[in-house]
Amino acid sequence: MRDVEAAKAHGADGVAVGVLLASGAIDAVRTRALVLAAAPLTVTFHRAFDQVPDPGAALRTLVDLGVRRVLTSGGGPRALDRLAELRALVAAAGESIQVVAAGGVRAEHVAELARGT
């Protein structure tokens, strides 16, 4: 919470957060508090997302909480190796939240990632 408040106070355009429960599910209570504290900044959920047991449900939770984008490798160490999973997340997200490929992404991977998702 202090980091979100500091980023906001220092003029950041947005923040990245990621809070999970012991089960691996999104901690909706704490995430909601961070989103509210960050307003009007854009909130991105970081790669903690890759640990969730049900990515589809987690994506819906993030949308409901007001998170604008999620960083994910599709559940593996490298996004490039998880194109099918990323494609499914992008389809599930529609226009409601941005899915951003993250994890081992290099400039030379961008074209393949764009084709794959």
Protein backbone atom coordinates (compact mmCIF):
# COMPACT_ATOMS: atom_id res chain seq x y z
CA MET A 1 0.00 0.00 0.00
CA ARG A 2 2.85 2.39 0.84
CA ASP A 3 4.46 1.72 -2.52
CA VAL A 4 1.21 2.49 -4.36
CA GLU A 5 0.78 5.70 -2.40
CA ALA A 6 4.41 6.70 -3.05
CA ALA A 7 4.11 6.02 -6.78
CA LYS A 8 0.96 8.09 -6.91
CA ALA A 9 2.51 10.94 -4.92
CA HIS A 10 5.53 11.01 -7.23
CA GLY A 11 3.50 11.27 -10.44
CA ALA A 12 3.52 7.70 -11.73
CA ASP A 13 1.14 6.89 -14.58
CA GLY A 14 0.31 3.51 -13.10
CA VAL A 15 1.31 0.75 -10.73
CA ALA A 16 1.81 -3.01 -10.88
CA VAL A 17 0.52 -5.12 -8.02
CA GLY A 18 -0.04 -8.79 -7.36
CA VAL A 19 -1.58 -10.31 -4.26
CA LEU A 20 -2.53 -13.97 -4.01
CA LEU A 21 -4.11 -16.09 -1.30
CA ALA A 22 -2.34 -19.20 0.01
CA SER A 23 -4.53 -21.18 -2.41
CA GLY A 24 -3.01 -19.27 -5.33
CA ALA A 25 -6.25 -17.42 -6.12
CA ILE A 26 -6.36 -13.64 -6.47
CA ASP A 27 -6.69 -11.93 -3.09
CA ALA A 28 -9.70 -9.84 -4.07
CA VAL A 29 -9.90 -7.93 -0.79
CA ARG A 30 -6.32 -6.70 -0.84
CA THR A 31 -6.28 -6.16 -4.59
CA ARG A 32 -9.45 -4.06 -4.38
CA ALA A 33 -7.83 -1.94 -1.65
CA LEU A 34 -4.77 -1.38 -3.85
CA VAL A 35 -6.88 -0.47 -6.88
CA LEU A 36 -8.86 2.04 -4.81
CA ALA A 37 -5.68 3.51 -3.32
CA ALA A 38 -4.12 3.82 -6.78
CA ALA A 39 -7.08 5.60 -8.40
CA PRO A 40 -6.99 7.27 -10.86
CA LEU A 41 -3.76 5.50 -11.86
CA THR A 42 -3.89 2.48 -14.15
CA VAL A 43 -3.39 -0.77 -12.25
CA THR A 44 -1.59 -3.74 -13.79
CA PHE A 45 -1.57 -7.16 -12.11
CA HIS A 46 1.94 -8.59 -12.36
CA ARG A 47 3.11 -12.11 -13.10
CA ALA A 48 1.80 -13.46 -9.82
CA PHE A 49 -1.08 -14.17 -12.21
CA ASP A 50 0.94 -17.10 -13.58
CA GLN A 51 0.49 -18.91 -10.24
CA VAL A 52 -3.32 -18.86 -10.18
CA PRO A 53 -5.04 -22.26 -10.41
CA ASP A 54 -7.86 -20.99 -12.67
CA PRO A 55 -6.68 -18.27 -15.07
CA GLY A 56 -10.16 -17.68 -16.52
CA ALA A 57 -11.69 -17.06 -13.11
CA ALA A 58 -8.71 -14.94 -12.10
CA LEU A 59 -9.10 -12.80 -15.21
CA ARG A 60 -12.78 -12.20 -14.41
CA THR A 61 -11.88 -11.29 -10.83
CA LEU A 62 -9.32 -8.75 -12.01
CA VAL A 63 -11.84 -7.17 -14.39
CA ASP A 64 -14.39 -6.93 -11.58
CA LEU A 65 -11.77 -5.26 -9.36
CA GLY A 66 -10.93 -2.60 -11.95
CA VAL A 67 -7.50 -3.87 -12.96
CA ARG A 68 -6.74 -2.64 -16.49
CA ARG A 69 -4.03 -5.07 -17.62
CA VAL A 70 -2.34 -8.28 -16.59
CA LEU A 71 1.24 -9.38 -17.23
CA THR A 72 1.51 -13.09 -17.96
CA SER A 73 3.67 -15.67 -19.62
CA GLY A 74 0.66 -17.95 -19.93
CA GLY A 75 1.73 -19.87 -16.86
CA GLY A 76 5.28 -20.83 -17.81
CA PRO A 77 8.71 -19.28 -17.58
CA ARG A 78 8.63 -17.87 -21.15
CA ALA A 79 5.67 -16.35 -22.94
CA LEU A 80 6.98 -17.61 -26.27
CA ASP A 81 6.54 -21.21 -25.08
CA ARG A 82 2.89 -20.65 -24.03
CA LEU A 83 1.26 -19.17 -27.13
CA ALA A 84 -1.86 -21.35 -26.88
CA GLU A 85 -2.44 -20.29 -23.28
CA LEU A 86 -1.84 -16.63 -24.11
CA ARG A 87 -4.22 -16.86 -27.08
CA ALA A 88 -6.93 -18.30 -24.80
CA LEU A 89 -6.42 -15.52 -22.26
CA VAL A 90 -6.59 -12.81 -24.92
CA ALA A 91 -9.82 -14.32 -26.26
CA ALA A 92 -11.30 -14.55 -22.75
CA ALA A 93 -10.28 -10.98 -21.97
CA GLY A 94 -11.90 -9.45 -25.02
CA GLU A 95 -11.98 -5.69 -24.55
CA SER A 96 -12.35 -5.88 -20.77
CA ILE A 97 -8.66 -6.11 -19.80
CA GLN A 98 -5.34 -6.05 -21.66
CA VAL A 99 -3.30 -9.24 -21.59
CA VAL A 100 0.39 -8.39 -21.92
CA ALA A 101 2.87 -11.13 -22.80
CA ALA A 102 5.65 -11.08 -20.22
CA GLY A 103 8.37 -13.45 -19.18
CA GLY A 104 11.47 -13.90 -21.27
CA VAL A 105 10.14 -11.61 -24.00
CA ARG A 106 12.85 -10.17 -26.22
CA ALA A 107 12.59 -7.81 -29.18
CA GLU A 108 13.13 -10.69 -31.59
CA HIS A 109 10.06 -12.49 -30.11
CA VAL A 110 7.55 -9.70 -30.68
CA ALA A 111 6.51 -10.66 -34.22
CA GLU A 112 5.96 -14.31 -33.28
CA LEU A 113 4.05 -13.36 -30.13
CA ALA A 114 1.85 -10.98 -32.12
CA ARG A 115 1.07 -13.69 -34.67
CA GLY A 116 0.46 -16.26 -31.94
CA THR A 117 -1.99 -14.20 -29.93
